[in-house]
Amino acid sequence: MSFSNEISELVYQDYLCIEPKDFQERIRFFDHNRKDIDQLPYEMRLEMSIEYTVALFEVGDYFAFLKRVDQLLALSIHDNLFSIDGDDIYQELLFRKACSLHNIVDYHGADHVFSELIRIDVNNKTYKQSYYKNKVSQLRYLGQKVRTTIILLLMLTGIMIGIELLIVLPFFPEYSGKMEWIRNGLFISAVGGILLQELTIRFRAVKNIKKLSNKA
């Protein structure tokens, strides 16, 4: 064994001493010892690379995670590497990829990956719950125009209340009945719009999960 390889393997031993949940230290160690890590045998190097990438996700560095994860997913398929310490590494990485896309507000991308996960394991409740959460966020995002209209109705309701209190009741009390009818109508429309949109979104999300489950 060459001197450089001996140093690299000592680096690996030092790495194993890091607490599994100390993600910040794993990231710091990996970044500081990249040259030595590159000299390690392929299996060790891949193990550290996967754990480093997972650590990026765990500390919330989703963009850095996404830059690395696709290469590791491709390697796991190419090398038939599906399990590390009993964990399905392919699904673990794919799930974190979906969550990362959701967290950076790429709901469309997350929708696609969560769909693939459900097809892989149709009985996995975590995948379904995460897909549902992302689909609700996606549909809310797409329905922003409706929400804007609802907010405008609520603001208009507030304006009507101000007009009624400051102008109509003191000076034109005979119109107070009409103002109250208009104000209540605007408020009911806004609240009804919120409820209808939310119910529609959740119904569509559940419907999509059922479709995916039936296709799997």
Foldseek 3Di string as FASTA:
>chain_A
DDPLLVVLVVLLVVLVPDDLPPLVVLLVSCVVCVVSLVSYPPVSSLVSLLSNLVSCLVVPVLVVSLVPLVVNLVVCVVVVPQDDPRHRSNLVSLQSNLVSCVVVVVLVVSLVSLLVSCLVPVPDPVSLVSNLVSQLVVLCVVCVVLLVVLVVLVVVLVVLVVCCVPPCVVPPVVCNVVSVVSSVVSNVVSVVSVVVSSVVSNVVSVVVSVVSSVVD
